[in-house]
Amino acid sequence: KTSTTKCGAWHKADGSGGIKLTGNPSPSGKDAKRTVTITDDMIRDCIVNGKPKSGMVAWGKTGQVKPADVENLIVYIRTLAPKK
């Protein structure tokens, strides 16, 4: 539910990204080249602390996404990129 209600508007429902609010367009979770270089800690930091210059909200700091949901989102993001 979190992924569709909070993340889908910026990363699209299918996780393909490309929406530009400010700064760079939202990243795609389907880009296997990109996702292999991104660590879980980097994803966690983005979700919890946000990236204000890009428009990414600090969902964890606002309390809108709970710690367990952050971990579930990381697992979900890892399912989006095609497997080799």
Protein backbone atom coordinates (compact mmCIF):
# COMPACT_ATOMS: atom_id res chain seq x y z
CA LYS A 1 0.00 0.00 0.00
CA THR A 2 2.78 2.44 0.88
CA SER A 3 4.42 1.97 -2.50
CA THR A 4 1.29 2.90 -4.41
CA THR A 5 0.00 5.70 -2.18
CA LYS A 6 3.25 7.48 -1.39
CA CYS A 7 5.79 6.37 -3.99
CA GLY A 8 3.69 5.83 -7.11
CA ALA A 9 3.08 9.50 -7.80
CA TRP A 10 6.78 10.15 -8.23
CA HIS A 11 8.16 6.77 -9.29
CA LYS A 12 5.03 5.65 -11.21
CA ALA A 13 2.94 2.64 -10.21
CA ASP A 14 5.29 0.26 -12.05
CA GLY A 15 8.45 1.78 -10.52
CA SER A 16 9.80 3.05 -13.84
CA GLY A 17 10.27 6.64 -12.61
CA GLY A 18 11.01 9.52 -14.94
CA ILE A 19 8.76 12.07 -13.22
CA LYS A 20 10.44 15.45 -12.70
CA LEU A 21 9.27 17.58 -9.78
CA THR A 22 12.51 19.48 -9.15
CA GLY A 23 16.09 18.66 -10.03
CA ASN A 24 16.53 15.32 -11.77
CA PRO A 25 13.68 13.01 -12.82
CA SER A 26 12.79 10.28 -10.36
CA PRO A 27 14.97 7.19 -10.73
CA SER A 28 13.71 3.94 -12.14
CA GLY A 29 13.69 0.85 -9.98
CA LYS A 30 13.60 -1.15 -13.21
CA ASP A 31 17.06 -0.04 -14.36
CA ALA A 32 19.19 -3.08 -13.54
CA LYS A 33 22.46 -1.20 -14.24
CA ARG A 34 21.53 1.44 -11.68
CA THR A 35 20.03 -0.80 -9.03
CA VAL A 36 23.11 -3.04 -8.79
CA THR A 37 25.21 0.00 -7.84
CA ILE A 38 22.77 1.22 -5.19
CA THR A 39 23.07 -0.34 -1.75
CA ASP A 40 20.22 -1.00 0.64
CA ASP A 41 21.69 1.67 2.92
CA MET A 42 21.49 4.22 0.09
CA ILE A 43 17.85 3.35 -0.57
CA ARG A 44 17.10 3.49 3.15
CA ASP A 45 18.74 6.93 3.40
CA CYS A 46 16.64 8.25 0.52
CA ILE A 47 13.39 6.98 2.02
CA VAL A 48 14.14 8.08 5.58
CA ASN A 49 16.00 11.35 5.00
CA GLY A 50 14.75 12.33 1.55
CA LYS A 51 16.63 14.21 -1.13
CA PRO A 52 15.22 17.75 -1.02
CA LYS A 53 17.01 18.97 -4.17
CA SER A 54 15.34 16.24 -6.19
CA GLY A 55 11.94 16.52 -4.53
CA MET A 56 12.22 13.24 -2.61
CA VAL A 57 10.29 13.55 0.65
CA ALA A 58 11.87 12.44 3.95
CA TRP A 59 9.13 9.87 4.53
CA GLY A 60 10.83 8.29 7.54
CA LYS A 61 11.49 11.59 9.27
CA THR A 62 7.90 12.71 8.77
CA GLY A 63 6.72 9.46 10.36
CA GLN A 64 4.61 8.63 7.32
CA VAL A 65 6.64 5.51 6.58
CA LYS A 66 7.49 3.35 9.59
CA PRO A 67 10.88 1.59 9.92
CA ALA A 68 9.42 -1.85 9.09
CA ASP A 69 7.78 -0.39 5.98
CA VAL A 70 11.11 1.13 4.91
CA GLU A 71 12.63 -2.35 5.00
CA ASN A 72 9.66 -3.76 3.05
CA LEU A 73 10.07 -1.02 0.44
CA ILE A 74 13.74 -1.92 -0.01
CA VAL A 75 12.79 -5.55 -0.63
CA TYR A 76 10.06 -4.44 -3.05
CA ILE A 77 12.41 -2.10 -4.95
CA ARG A 78 14.83 -5.00 -5.38
CA THR A 79 12.06 -6.99 -7.15
CA LEU A 80 11.53 -4.32 -9.84
CA ALA A 81 14.74 -4.69 -11.82
CA PRO A 82 14.91 -7.59 -14.25
CA LYS A 83 17.11 -10.47 -13.15
CA LYS A 84 20.19 -11.33 -15.18
